[in-house]
Amino acid sequence: MQKRAIAVHDISCVGRCSLTVALPILSAAGVETSIVPTALLSTHTGEFTGYTYLDLSNQLLPIADHLATLGRSYDAFYSGYLASGAQVDDVLGMMDRLCNENTHIFVDPAFGDHGRMYSLMDATMPSQMRRLCRRARTIVPNLTEACFLLDEPYPSEGCTPELIARLTSGLLALGPENVVITDIAFSPEHTGLAIQSRHMPQPVFQFRSRFEGVFHGTGDVFASLLLAGLMNNRTVQDAAAMALALTHDVIALTLQDGQPLRYGVQFEKILPQLWAKLQ
């Protein structure tokens, strides 16, 4: 039977990120994907100015109430960028209405990068996002978000395996079964992931060569590819390896094409590879 997911993220009219990434990637992986936008923006907030922004908080629970009347179940509930910390209450209410004990709650706590929170985030976001992480089966913070979630200082001078092990352990203590931290680097030449599940005594690391530049939306690309793998019965480590390799390929293809990076990476080009890898 075809798997079914619901993705709760913002949507930007221009700039590949959030729902404009999650929907096509999960669909290409054979997952029927419904969407609920948390906010509407004309562009994403990285390297653009003058963008429009509409908070859709007042729509989330009415949408969930209507969807609940359809009698459909969801194999995954995928939350990402939220309009505010207060919106966490609405997302938790959506989970109550739309999830059951078998739903894989997958949380990308998308609120910061490079040691700071995104421009539209309020100061309550880390503490509020912890509440979603406690409800999740899998969480996918980047290094910045992991530090904020645990009130740890961001390691601007570089991180160590010992620090990352402390972060993965602390995040598991919040309640999820699986933690995947992105943007991990122990040398300037490489970047990658730390993965730890409850049954694992230490995190496992995966790396790829680093590209110079800021690549907007790659966190959404990676997280969506990871969930695509999990929805196709891959283990967390196998799904993460696939997602990391394909995200690396996406960046390389984007750089080859020479498109302005603020519009996001050309994930469309790897969708046939994704389907082939999942067969």
Protein backbone atom coordinates (compact mmCIF):
# COMPACT_ATOMS: atom_id res chain seq x y z
CA MET A 1 0.00 0.00 0.00
CA GLN A 2 1.26 3.49 -0.84
CA LYS A 3 2.66 5.42 2.14
CA ARG A 4 1.07 8.74 3.05
CA ALA A 5 2.72 11.77 4.68
CA ILE A 6 1.62 15.23 5.72
CA ALA A 7 4.19 18.05 5.58
CA VAL A 8 3.75 21.13 7.77
CA HIS A 9 6.21 23.83 6.66
CA ASP A 10 6.20 27.35 5.26
CA ILE A 11 5.99 27.93 1.51
CA SER A 12 8.05 30.44 -0.46
CA CYS A 13 6.89 31.48 -3.93
CA VAL A 14 10.51 31.77 -5.13
CA GLY A 15 13.56 30.00 -3.70
CA ARG A 16 13.74 26.22 -3.32
CA CYS A 17 13.09 25.38 0.33
CA SER A 18 10.48 24.04 2.73
CA LEU A 19 7.30 22.81 1.01
CA THR A 20 8.55 23.47 -2.53
CA VAL A 21 11.31 20.97 -1.72
CA ALA A 22 9.51 18.52 0.58
CA LEU A 23 6.50 17.91 -1.66
CA PRO A 24 8.34 16.97 -4.89
CA ILE A 25 11.00 14.89 -3.13
CA LEU A 26 8.53 12.81 -1.14
CA SER A 27 6.25 12.49 -4.16
CA ALA A 28 9.17 11.31 -6.31
CA ALA A 29 9.86 8.68 -3.64
CA GLY A 30 6.36 7.28 -4.07
CA VAL A 31 4.90 8.87 -0.93
CA GLU A 32 1.48 10.50 -1.25
CA THR A 33 2.12 13.88 0.37
CA SER A 34 -0.41 16.34 1.73
CA ILE A 35 0.75 19.83 2.75
CA VAL A 36 -0.21 22.40 5.36
CA PRO A 37 1.61 25.76 5.00
CA THR A 38 2.59 27.48 8.24
CA ALA A 39 3.42 30.79 6.53
CA LEU A 40 3.42 32.23 3.01
CA LEU A 41 6.45 34.19 1.81
CA SER A 42 7.23 35.72 -1.57
CA THR A 43 10.83 34.46 -1.21
CA HIS A 44 12.79 32.76 1.52
CA THR A 45 14.59 35.05 3.98
CA GLY A 46 18.18 34.28 2.98
CA GLU A 47 19.83 36.83 0.64
CA PHE A 48 16.49 38.40 -0.29
CA THR A 49 15.08 41.67 1.06
CA GLY A 50 11.62 43.21 0.81
CA TYR A 51 9.88 39.82 0.92
CA THR A 52 6.24 39.50 1.90
CA TYR A 53 5.28 37.35 4.88
CA LEU A 54 1.92 36.02 6.00
CA ASP A 55 1.57 34.03 9.24
CA LEU A 56 -1.03 31.28 8.71
CA SER A 57 -1.41 30.25 12.35
CA ASN A 58 -5.16 30.85 12.29
CA GLN A 59 -5.54 28.27 9.52
CA LEU A 60 -3.65 25.30 10.99
CA LEU A 61 -6.22 23.84 13.37
CA PRO A 62 -9.22 24.51 11.08
CA ILE A 63 -7.36 22.66 8.30
CA ALA A 64 -6.53 19.80 10.68
CA ASP A 65 -10.13 19.63 11.89
CA HIS A 66 -11.38 19.29 8.33
CA LEU A 67 -8.73 16.75 7.36
CA ALA A 68 -9.63 14.68 10.43
CA THR A 69 -13.17 14.29 9.09
CA LEU A 70 -11.79 12.50 6.01
CA GLY A 71 -10.82 9.46 8.08
CA ARG A 72 -7.36 9.17 6.56
CA SER A 73 -4.29 7.98 8.45
CA TYR A 74 -0.75 9.25 7.90
CA ASP A 75 2.41 7.18 7.96
CA ALA A 76 4.52 10.29 8.59
CA PHE A 77 3.96 13.77 10.02
CA TYR A 78 6.80 16.04 8.87
CA SER A 79 7.17 19.44 10.50
CA GLY A 80 9.69 22.10 9.55
CA TYR A 81 9.86 25.90 9.58
CA LEU A 82 7.21 27.45 11.82
CA ALA A 83 6.05 31.06 11.79
CA SER A 84 6.61 31.53 15.54
CA GLY A 85 7.21 29.72 18.79
CA ALA A 86 3.52 30.10 19.60
CA GLN A 87 2.69 28.06 16.51
CA VAL A 88 4.08 24.95 18.23
CA ASP A 89 0.81 24.67 20.16
CA ASP A 90 -1.07 24.50 16.86
CA VAL A 91 1.29 21.87 15.44
CA LEU A 92 0.92 19.73 18.56
CA GLY A 93 -2.84 20.07 18.17
CA MET A 94 -2.52 18.93 14.57
CA MET A 95 -0.60 15.86 15.71
CA ASP A 96 -3.39 15.07 18.19
CA ARG A 97 -5.96 15.24 15.40
CA LEU A 98 -4.07 13.55 12.55
CA CYS A 99 -1.53 11.11 14.02
CA ASN A 100 -1.91 7.69 15.58
CA GLU A 101 0.53 5.41 17.41
CA ASN A 102 2.04 4.27 14.09
CA THR A 103 2.67 7.72 12.61
CA HIS A 104 6.37 8.50 12.23
CA ILE A 105 6.63 12.02 13.64
CA PHE A 106 9.62 13.60 11.90
CA VAL A 107 10.72 17.03 13.13
CA ASP A 108 13.15 19.32 11.35
CA PRO A 109 13.52 22.12 13.94
CA ALA A 110 14.26 24.73 11.30
CA PHE A 111 14.99 27.97 13.11
CA GLY A 112 18.69 28.79 12.70
CA ASP A 113 22.04 28.25 11.05
CA HIS A 114 25.67 29.44 11.28
CA GLY A 115 25.36 30.02 15.02
CA ARG A 116 22.31 32.29 14.98
CA MET A 117 18.54 32.11 14.59
CA TYR A 118 16.81 33.06 11.35
CA SER A 119 15.70 36.66 10.98
CA LEU A 120 11.98 36.12 11.64
CA MET A 121 12.41 33.83 14.66
CA ASP A 122 11.42 34.94 18.16
CA ALA A 123 13.41 34.14 21.30
CA THR A 124 10.93 31.46 22.43
CA MET A 125 11.59 29.22 19.44
CA PRO A 126 14.27 26.92 20.97
CA SER A 127 12.24 26.17 24.10
CA GLN A 128 9.05 25.72 22.10
CA MET A 129 10.74 23.51 19.53
CA ARG A 130 11.91 21.20 22.33
CA ARG A 131 8.24 20.35 22.85
CA LEU A 132 7.98 19.06 19.28
CA CYS A 133 11.23 17.13 19.65
CA ARG A 134 9.82 15.34 22.70
CA ARG A 135 6.91 14.14 20.56
CA ALA A 136 9.07 13.05 17.61
CA ARG A 137 10.44 9.69 16.56
CA THR A 138 13.18 11.30 14.45
CA ILE A 139 14.66 14.82 14.68
CA VAL A 140 17.03 16.45 12.18
CA PRO A 141 18.57 19.63 13.63
CA ASN A 142 21.65 21.24 12.19
CA LEU A 143 24.53 22.01 14.55
CA THR A 144 23.20 25.49 15.34
CA GLU A 145 19.74 24.19 16.22
CA ALA A 146 21.16 21.32 18.29
CA CYS A 147 23.12 23.83 20.38
CA PHE A 148 20.11 26.11 20.86
CA LEU A 149 17.87 23.18 21.79
CA LEU A 150 20.28 22.17 24.56
CA ASP A 151 21.40 25.67 25.63
CA GLU A 152 24.93 24.83 24.53
CA PRO A 153 27.29 27.49 23.13
CA TYR A 154 27.81 27.24 19.38
CA PRO A 155 31.33 25.93 18.64
CA SER A 156 32.42 28.71 16.29
CA GLU A 157 36.04 27.52 16.44
CA GLY A 158 35.11 24.00 15.35
CA CYS A 159 33.58 20.95 16.99
CA THR A 160 34.94 17.67 18.32
CA PRO A 161 33.54 14.13 18.40
CA GLU A 162 33.16 14.47 22.17
CA LEU A 163 31.00 17.60 21.82
CA ILE A 164 28.80 15.98 19.17
CA ALA A 165 28.37 12.85 21.31
CA ARG A 166 27.20 15.10 24.15
CA LEU A 167 24.74 16.82 21.82
CA THR A 168 23.28 13.61 20.38
CA SER A 169 22.95 12.16 23.89
CA GLY A 170 21.23 15.31 25.14
CA LEU A 171 18.84 15.36 22.21
CA LEU A 172 17.94 11.70 22.68
CA ALA A 173 17.14 12.52 26.30
CA LEU A 174 14.41 14.86 25.04
CA GLY A 175 12.51 11.78 23.81
CA PRO A 176 13.08 10.95 20.12
CA GLU A 177 14.27 7.52 19.00
CA ASN A 178 16.63 8.88 16.33
CA VAL A 179 18.79 12.01 16.15
CA VAL A 180 20.54 13.15 12.98
CA ILE A 181 22.63 16.34 13.33
CA THR A 182 23.71 17.99 10.08
CA ASP A 183 26.52 20.48 9.36
CA ILE A 184 29.09 18.52 11.36
CA ALA A 185 32.75 19.13 10.52
CA PHE A 186 36.00 18.07 12.17
CA SER A 187 38.16 19.53 9.37
CA PRO A 188 37.72 22.38 6.86
CA GLU A 189 37.68 19.94 3.93
CA HIS A 190 34.65 17.89 4.97
CA THR A 191 31.11 18.29 6.22
CA GLY A 192 28.56 15.71 7.22
CA LEU A 193 26.31 14.14 9.81
CA ALA A 194 26.13 12.58 13.24
CA ILE A 195 23.54 9.83 13.68
CA GLN A 196 22.52 8.22 16.94
CA SER A 197 19.53 6.09 17.89
CA ARG A 198 18.51 4.96 21.35
CA HIS A 199 20.09 1.52 20.96
CA MET A 200 23.47 3.00 19.93
CA PRO A 201 26.10 3.82 22.61
CA GLN A 202 27.79 6.48 20.44
CA PRO A 203 26.98 8.49 17.32
CA VAL A 204 28.05 7.34 13.88
CA PHE A 205 29.53 9.95 11.53
CA GLN A 206 29.20 10.29 7.76
CA PHE A 207 31.11 12.87 5.69
CA ARG A 208 31.46 14.27 2.19
CA SER A 209 33.85 16.87 0.76
CA ARG A 210 32.83 20.46 1.48
CA PHE A 211 31.86 22.96 -1.20
CA GLU A 212 32.57 26.65 -0.67
CA GLY A 213 29.46 28.80 -0.45
CA VAL A 214 26.10 29.10 1.28
CA PHE A 215 23.53 26.71 -0.16
CA HIS A 216 20.02 27.71 0.82
CA GLY A 217 17.48 24.94 1.24
CA THR A 218 19.97 22.08 1.49
CA GLY A 219 18.75 21.28 5.00
CA ASP A 220 15.24 20.83 3.60
CA VAL A 221 16.58 18.75 0.71
CA PHE A 222 18.52 16.49 3.07
CA ALA A 223 15.69 16.09 5.58
CA SER A 224 13.16 15.32 2.85
CA LEU A 225 15.48 12.74 1.28
CA LEU A 226 16.05 11.19 4.70
CA LEU A 227 12.33 10.87 5.33
CA ALA A 228 11.87 9.50 1.81
CA GLY A 229 14.33 6.73 2.68
CA LEU A 230 12.64 5.99 5.99
CA MET A 231 9.24 5.81 4.29
CA ASN A 232 10.75 3.23 1.93
CA ASN A 233 11.85 0.99 4.80
CA ARG A 234 15.51 2.04 4.95
CA THR A 235 17.29 2.15 8.30
CA VAL A 236 18.20 5.57 9.64
CA GLN A 237 21.87 5.08 8.77
CA ASP A 238 21.13 3.84 5.25
CA ALA A 239 18.58 6.59 4.61
CA ALA A 240 21.03 9.21 5.91
CA ALA A 241 23.83 7.90 3.69
CA MET A 242 21.57 8.11 0.64
CA ALA A 243 20.33 11.59 1.58
CA LEU A 244 23.86 12.90 2.18
CA ALA A 245 25.17 11.51 -1.11
CA LEU A 246 22.27 12.94 -3.13
CA THR A 247 22.48 16.33 -1.39
CA HIS A 248 26.20 16.42 -2.21
CA ASP A 249 25.37 15.63 -5.85
CA VAL A 250 22.73 18.38 -5.93
CA ILE A 251 25.22 21.01 -4.77
CA ALA A 252 27.79 19.88 -7.35
CA LEU A 253 25.21 20.05 -10.16
CA THR A 254 24.07 23.50 -9.06
CA LEU A 255 27.61 24.84 -9.02
CA GLN A 256 28.27 23.40 -12.48
CA ASP A 257 25.23 25.21 -13.85
CA GLY A 258 26.27 28.58 -12.42
CA GLN A 259 22.79 29.59 -11.24
CA PRO A 260 22.66 32.25 -8.47
CA LEU A 261 22.78 30.32 -5.22
CA ARG A 262 20.13 32.38 -3.46
CA TYR A 263 17.47 30.59 -5.55
CA GLY A 264 18.37 27.27 -3.95
CA VAL A 265 19.93 24.08 -5.24
CA GLN A 266 18.73 22.15 -8.28
CA PHE A 267 17.29 19.14 -6.47
CA GLU A 268 15.01 18.45 -9.44
CA LYS A 269 17.94 16.92 -11.29
CA ILE A 270 18.40 14.06 -8.80
CA LEU A 271 14.78 12.94 -8.51
CA PRO A 272 15.26 10.14 -11.07
CA GLN A 273 18.30 8.95 -9.07
CA LEU A 274 16.23 8.98 -5.89
CA TRP A 275 13.57 6.72 -7.40
CA ALA A 276 16.22 4.38 -8.79
CA LYS A 277 18.00 4.11 -5.42
CA LEU A 278 14.75 3.28 -3.65
CA GLN A 279 13.83 0.40 -5.98
